[in-house]
Protein backbone atom coordinates (compact mmCIF):
# COMPACT_ATOMS: atom_id res chain seq x y z
CA MET A 1 -8.60 13.12 24.32
CA LYS A 2 -5.86 10.58 24.14
CA ALA A 3 -4.07 9.70 27.27
CA VAL A 4 -1.80 7.07 28.73
CA VAL A 5 -3.96 5.29 31.31
CA ILE A 6 -3.04 2.40 33.81
CA HIS A 7 -5.99 -0.24 34.57
CA GLU A 8 -3.55 -2.24 36.84
CA PHE A 9 -0.51 -2.32 38.46
CA GLY A 10 2.72 -3.58 37.36
CA GLY A 11 5.71 -2.80 35.15
CA PRO A 12 5.65 -0.27 32.20
CA GLU A 13 3.45 -2.28 29.61
CA VAL A 14 0.52 -1.58 31.68
CA MET A 15 0.19 1.92 30.85
CA ARG A 16 -2.13 2.15 27.13
CA TYR A 17 -2.22 4.87 24.96
CA GLU A 18 -6.23 5.50 24.28
CA ASP A 19 -8.87 7.07 24.20
CA PHE A 20 -10.40 8.40 27.41
CA PRO A 21 -13.17 11.58 27.76
CA THR A 22 -12.31 14.86 27.48
CA PRO A 23 -12.63 16.91 30.67
CA GLU A 24 -14.99 19.41 31.60
CA PRO A 25 -14.72 22.16 33.74
CA GLY A 26 -16.96 22.70 36.82
CA PRO A 27 -17.45 25.88 39.03
CA GLY A 28 -14.08 27.35 39.91
CA GLU A 29 -12.09 24.53 37.41
CA VAL A 30 -10.17 24.99 34.11
CA VAL A 31 -9.09 22.66 31.90
CA VAL A 32 -5.57 23.11 31.00
CA GLU A 33 -3.84 21.60 27.47
CA VAL A 34 -0.68 19.95 28.25
CA HIS A 35 2.24 20.89 26.75
CA ALA A 36 4.79 19.12 28.53
CA VAL A 37 5.01 16.94 32.02
CA SER A 38 7.83 14.77 33.33
CA VAL A 39 8.36 11.35 34.08
CA ASN A 40 9.56 10.79 37.49
CA ARG A 41 10.44 8.14 39.54
CA THR A 42 9.08 7.99 43.05
CA LEU A 43 5.71 9.71 41.83
CA ASP A 44 5.31 8.33 38.58
CA LEU A 45 7.02 5.04 38.57
CA THR A 46 6.16 4.01 42.23
CA LEU A 47 2.80 4.94 41.91
CA ARG A 48 2.49 2.33 38.46
CA ALA A 49 4.10 0.04 40.21
CA GLY A 50 1.31 -0.53 42.75
CA LYS A 51 3.92 0.93 45.40
CA TYR A 52 3.04 4.18 46.25
CA ILE A 53 2.73 4.92 49.89
CA LYS A 54 -0.81 5.72 49.51
CA PRO A 55 -3.83 4.02 47.96
CA VAL A 56 -4.63 5.17 44.16
CA ASP A 57 -7.92 4.61 42.73
CA LEU A 58 -7.86 2.51 39.23
CA PRO A 59 -8.31 3.57 36.35
CA HIS A 60 -5.77 6.68 36.33
CA ILE A 61 -3.79 8.77 34.49
CA LEU A 62 -0.32 9.72 36.01
CA GLY A 63 1.92 12.89 35.51
CA VAL A 64 2.34 15.33 38.49
CA ASP A 65 3.82 18.51 36.69
CA PRO A 66 1.43 19.33 33.69
CA SER A 67 2.45 22.82 32.11
CA GLY A 68 0.38 24.42 29.53
CA ILE A 69 -2.11 27.11 28.20
CA VAL A 70 -5.65 27.10 29.72
CA SER A 71 -8.04 25.76 26.97
CA ALA A 72 -11.85 26.02 29.02
CA VAL A 73 -12.52 27.62 32.41
CA GLY A 74 -15.91 26.75 34.14
CA PRO A 75 -18.69 29.04 35.63
CA ASP A 76 -16.96 31.37 38.32
CA VAL A 77 -13.37 31.59 36.95
CA ASP A 78 -11.83 35.43 37.08
CA SER A 79 -8.50 33.64 36.15
CA PRO A 80 -6.73 32.16 34.73
CA LYS A 81 -8.38 32.85 31.60
CA VAL A 82 -8.10 30.70 27.75
CA GLY A 83 -4.95 31.22 26.26
CA ASP A 84 -2.92 31.68 29.63
CA ARG A 85 -0.06 29.60 30.50
CA VAL A 86 0.11 27.89 33.44
CA PHE A 87 1.47 24.87 36.18
CA VAL A 88 -0.20 23.04 37.31
CA ILE A 89 0.53 22.74 41.51
CA PRO A 90 -1.42 20.55 44.33
CA TRP A 91 -3.77 21.94 45.77
CA ARG A 92 -6.06 22.16 49.10
CA PRO A 93 -9.68 20.83 49.02
CA ALA A 94 -10.66 22.96 52.08
CA PRO A 95 -8.80 24.51 55.20
CA GLY A 96 -7.65 21.80 57.13
CA LYS A 97 -7.93 19.16 54.43
CA PRO A 98 -4.47 17.45 52.89
CA SER A 99 -3.13 18.76 49.30
CA VAL A 100 -5.15 16.82 46.23
CA GLY A 101 -1.64 15.84 44.31
CA VAL A 102 -2.79 15.97 40.47
CA GLY A 103 -0.99 13.06 39.01
CA ILE A 104 -1.88 10.82 42.36
CA SER A 105 -4.82 11.46 44.01
CA VAL A 106 -6.24 12.86 40.66
CA HIS A 107 -5.73 12.21 37.34
CA GLY A 108 -2.93 13.92 36.09
CA GLY A 109 -0.66 14.96 33.05
CA TYR A 110 0.04 12.02 30.83
CA ALA A 111 -2.99 13.53 28.59
CA GLU A 112 -3.94 15.75 26.18
CA CYS A 113 -5.79 17.59 28.72
CA VAL A 114 -6.00 17.80 32.88
CA ARG A 115 -8.34 19.41 34.78
CA CYS A 116 -7.81 21.42 38.35
CA PRO A 117 -8.69 24.26 40.21
CA ALA A 118 -8.33 27.61 38.55
CA HIS A 119 -5.96 28.33 42.17
CA ALA A 120 -3.99 25.34 41.60
CA THR A 121 -2.49 27.08 38.67
CA VAL A 122 0.55 29.25 38.15
CA ALA A 123 1.34 31.88 35.77
CA VAL A 124 4.24 30.65 33.14
CA PRO A 125 6.29 33.64 32.04
CA ALA A 126 6.48 34.22 28.10
CA ASP A 127 9.71 33.20 27.91
CA LEU A 128 10.14 30.50 29.69
CA PRO A 129 9.39 27.59 27.86
CA PHE A 130 7.01 24.29 28.86
CA PRO A 131 9.48 21.88 29.25
CA ALA A 132 11.45 24.41 31.70
CA ALA A 133 8.43 25.16 33.39
CA THR A 134 7.59 21.78 34.26
CA ILE A 135 10.77 21.13 35.84
CA ALA A 136 10.60 24.62 37.14
CA GLY A 137 7.72 24.36 38.77
CA ARG A 138 8.44 20.80 40.39
CA HIS A 139 12.21 21.29 41.62
CA LEU A 140 13.35 24.98 41.11
CA GLY A 141 10.36 25.37 43.59
CA ALA A 142 11.16 23.09 45.47
CA ALA A 143 15.15 24.33 45.98
CA THR A 144 13.72 28.10 46.07
CA LEU A 145 12.34 26.37 49.51
CA GLN A 146 15.20 24.59 50.79
CA ILE A 147 17.30 27.58 50.00
CA ASP A 148 15.25 29.68 51.63
CA THR A 149 14.95 27.58 54.73
CA ALA A 150 18.77 27.73 54.74
CA GLU A 151 18.44 31.66 54.53
CA VAL A 152 21.57 31.13 52.21
CA LYS A 153 23.53 34.70 52.09
CA ALA A 154 25.84 35.77 49.56
CA GLY A 155 29.34 34.77 49.66
CA GLU A 156 28.28 31.37 51.95
CA TRP A 157 29.39 28.24 50.52
CA VAL A 158 26.89 25.98 49.72
CA LEU A 159 27.49 21.74 49.50
CA VAL A 160 24.48 20.17 47.18
CA MET A 161 24.91 16.53 47.38
CA GLY A 162 23.19 14.11 44.27
CA ALA A 163 23.87 17.81 42.05
CA THR A 164 23.29 16.59 38.97
CA GLY A 165 19.51 14.81 39.84
CA GLY A 166 16.14 17.27 39.20
CA LEU A 167 16.86 18.97 42.50
CA GLY A 168 20.12 19.01 42.88
CA SER A 169 20.79 20.96 39.52
CA ALA A 170 17.81 23.02 40.76
CA ALA A 171 19.53 24.26 44.07
CA MET A 172 23.46 24.81 42.53
CA GLN A 173 21.36 27.27 40.08
CA VAL A 174 19.46 28.97 42.91
CA ALA A 175 22.26 29.59 45.63
CA ARG A 176 24.39 30.89 42.55
CA HIS A 177 21.88 33.34 41.71
CA ARG A 178 21.88 34.27 45.20
CA GLY A 179 25.62 34.98 45.58
CA ALA A 180 26.48 31.81 47.51
CA ARG A 181 29.72 29.40 46.41
CA VAL A 182 28.32 26.52 45.29
CA ILE A 183 30.52 23.08 45.79
CA GLY A 184 28.63 19.77 43.66
CA ALA A 185 28.83 16.89 44.86
CA ALA A 186 28.18 14.04 42.49
CA GLY A 187 28.56 9.84 42.29
CA SER A 188 30.95 10.04 39.44
CA ASP A 189 33.79 12.05 37.57
CA GLU A 190 31.49 12.97 34.81
CA ARG A 191 28.53 13.51 37.13
CA ALA A 192 30.88 16.31 38.74
CA GLU A 193 32.33 17.90 36.27
CA ALA A 194 29.09 18.39 35.07
CA THR A 195 27.52 20.00 38.10
CA LYS A 196 29.90 23.48 36.42
CA ALA A 197 27.57 24.01 34.50
CA TYR A 198 24.89 24.64 36.54
CA GLY A 199 26.45 26.82 38.58
CA ALA A 200 29.48 25.09 41.01
CA GLU A 201 32.77 26.78 41.60
CA ALA A 202 34.23 23.83 42.90
CA CYS A 203 32.90 19.92 42.30
CA VAL A 204 33.61 16.34 44.09
CA ASN A 205 33.43 12.63 42.99
CA TYR A 206 32.21 11.94 46.46
CA ARG A 207 32.52 8.14 45.61
CA THR A 208 36.55 8.01 44.85
CA GLN A 209 36.84 11.11 46.79
CA ASP A 210 36.73 11.61 50.59
CA LEU A 211 34.07 13.98 50.83
CA THR A 212 34.78 15.83 54.12
CA GLU A 213 38.70 16.38 53.29
CA ALA A 214 37.78 17.10 49.24
CA VAL A 215 35.33 20.26 51.08
CA MET A 216 37.56 21.15 53.73
CA GLU A 217 40.30 21.72 51.18
CA ILE A 218 38.06 23.24 49.15
CA THR A 219 36.57 26.05 51.66
CA GLY A 220 40.13 26.39 53.37
CA GLY A 221 39.44 24.39 56.22
CA ALA A 222 36.16 26.43 57.47
CA GLY A 223 33.43 24.13 56.43
CA VAL A 224 30.24 24.34 54.39
CA ASP A 225 27.99 27.18 55.58
CA VAL A 226 25.15 25.38 54.14
CA VAL A 227 24.51 21.82 53.04
CA LEU A 228 21.20 20.58 50.84
CA GLU A 229 21.35 16.82 51.53
CA ASN A 230 18.29 14.86 49.52
CA ILE A 231 19.81 11.72 49.88
CA ALA A 232 20.96 10.44 53.34
CA ASP A 233 22.84 7.53 52.56
CA PRO A 234 24.22 5.83 55.43
CA VAL A 235 27.73 6.36 54.39
CA LEU A 236 27.98 9.78 52.53
CA PHE A 237 25.55 11.58 55.17
CA PRO A 238 28.08 11.11 57.73
CA ARG A 239 30.73 12.86 55.54
CA ALA A 240 28.73 15.72 54.01
CA PHE A 241 27.57 16.41 57.98
CA LYS A 242 31.21 16.23 58.74
CA ALA A 243 32.20 19.13 56.29
CA MET A 244 29.92 21.76 58.04
CA GLY A 245 31.21 24.93 59.42
CA ARG A 246 30.37 27.24 62.54
CA ASP A 247 26.99 28.37 62.67
CA SER A 248 26.18 26.26 59.66
CA ARG A 249 22.63 24.53 58.44
CA LEU A 250 21.38 21.20 56.95
CA VAL A 251 18.44 21.46 55.25
CA THR A 252 17.21 17.93 53.48
CA SER A 253 13.75 16.69 51.43
CA GLY A 254 14.77 13.43 50.81
CA ALA A 255 15.87 9.56 51.51
CA HIS A 256 16.56 7.99 48.66
CA GLY A 257 19.75 6.16 50.12
CA GLY A 258 17.91 4.53 53.00
CA GLY A 259 17.19 7.24 55.31
CA LEU A 260 19.03 5.98 58.46
CA VAL A 261 22.07 7.91 59.08
CA GLU A 262 24.62 8.26 61.66
CA LEU A 263 24.92 11.33 63.61
CA ASP A 264 27.72 13.05 65.50
CA MET A 265 26.14 15.01 67.83
CA ASN A 266 29.41 16.07 68.98
CA HIS A 267 29.99 17.87 65.61
CA LEU A 268 26.07 19.09 65.72
CA PHE A 269 26.06 21.04 69.18
CA ARG A 270 30.21 22.13 68.94
CA ASN A 271 29.32 23.87 65.91
CA ARG A 272 25.94 24.85 66.60
CA ILE A 273 24.46 23.35 63.92
CA ARG A 274 20.82 23.31 62.66
CA LEU A 275 19.31 20.43 60.66
CA GLN A 276 16.07 21.19 59.10
CA GLY A 277 13.46 19.19 56.82
CA VAL A 278 11.50 20.44 53.98
CA LEU A 279 8.95 18.98 52.65
CA GLY A 280 8.08 19.76 48.83
CA SER A 281 7.58 23.25 47.84
CA SER A 282 5.01 26.18 48.40
CA ARG A 283 2.72 27.85 46.51
CA ASP A 284 4.66 30.77 47.25
CA SER A 285 8.12 29.46 46.47
CA ILE A 286 6.70 27.59 42.81
CA GLU A 287 5.98 31.55 42.18
CA ARG A 288 8.95 33.14 42.43
CA ALA A 289 10.77 30.12 40.97
CA LEU A 290 8.85 30.34 37.31
CA GLU A 291 9.28 34.27 37.82
CA GLU A 292 12.93 34.21 38.41
CA ALA A 293 13.65 31.61 36.05
CA PRO A 294 14.29 33.53 32.91
CA LYS A 295 15.50 36.08 35.07
CA MET A 296 18.90 33.48 36.15
CA HIS A 297 18.89 31.96 32.85
CA PHE A 298 17.62 28.39 34.37
CA LYS A 299 19.08 25.62 32.73
CA PRO A 300 16.45 22.50 32.71
CA MET A 301 18.24 19.03 33.17
CA ILE A 302 16.54 17.52 30.37
CA ASP A 303 17.89 13.96 28.62
CA ARG A 304 15.05 14.12 26.30
CA ILE A 305 11.86 15.01 24.84
CA MET A 306 9.37 12.10 23.53
CA PRO A 307 5.80 11.76 22.54
CA LEU A 308 3.10 11.05 25.45
CA ALA A 309 2.72 7.70 23.14
CA GLN A 310 6.05 6.67 24.14
CA ALA A 311 5.62 6.97 27.88
CA VAL A 312 5.97 2.85 28.36
CA GLU A 313 9.26 3.32 26.81
CA ALA A 314 10.50 6.80 28.48
CA HIS A 315 9.28 4.62 31.89
CA ARG A 316 11.83 1.66 30.65
CA LEU A 317 14.48 4.34 29.89
CA VAL A 318 14.58 5.96 33.54
CA GLU A 319 14.08 2.61 35.48
CA SER A 320 17.46 1.21 33.40
CA ARG A 321 18.90 4.73 34.37
CA GLU A 322 20.41 5.54 31.17
CA VAL A 323 19.80 8.95 31.19
CA SER A 324 21.38 11.97 32.14
CA GLY A 325 18.78 14.35 33.14
CA LYS A 326 14.83 14.28 32.95
CA ILE A 327 12.46 13.08 29.88
CA ILE A 328 9.53 15.10 29.15
CA LEU A 329 6.88 13.97 27.45
CA ASP A 330 5.00 16.18 24.83
CA PRO A 331 1.18 14.81 24.46
CA ARG A 332 0.96 17.32 21.00
CA VAL A 333 3.70 15.30 18.99
């Protein structure tokens, strides 16, 4: 099969589009013909550069969120079957053991085929295209877990920080689908306005507006009930936190802005605020996300779809931040 393989760590040029042995399924395993896989900044670009937090064996194939069609099944596999549409998730090799990350600790989806245990697949509805399924499995599942953790209720105000990212745009759609009122916060007028296409009732440019004042004005002075804060920027975090009202909840799954922030404890205990960290997604949240995606008319934030052979250029585009949304790689074109 054709695959994009790294034999050394470095810039985008270390990725080679070459022939690689086609995987064969063992007992309890399946092989999936990849139809879509996304380019992720941390789990692809950082790993390729040799800066990922965990060691990675070489040669390696990137790609943490492949979706496609089951092309072969091994012994002792009842489900899925050949021809089934699936998304591949991380899996636990044995009770009490850490998850195995496709595209991290084992070969991933930057290839025509990927091998995984049968139980590491989740069904993809027939009316959900594979590019949307890849983003739904990666980000809509995480957004669903965040919304569940925050116990979002219909009619509540939800502030989504970094709302035009993959997770943020998914979170807005889940919150709106649950009946919440959404405020999309982003770093430019164009991006802030774009949040309205993904479920935001109101938007804020947190680079030019005072985030706290803007949110308090939108909510009539009450503050928001929920903040989904995945940035942890030392300037923005306190402003979002100050915009939280009584009995509000803040859920976070990221720290791309640095991770060290100031926390106003007076505001926290006086308003009985709850803070919760959430790591990624769960199998249950991914299953529900893929099932709900067609019902909520999920809009994946996709910049473009490129052939797998152009993975080097795709990485350069993502590094340059010249894209708005995900780049999807398709090995079949």
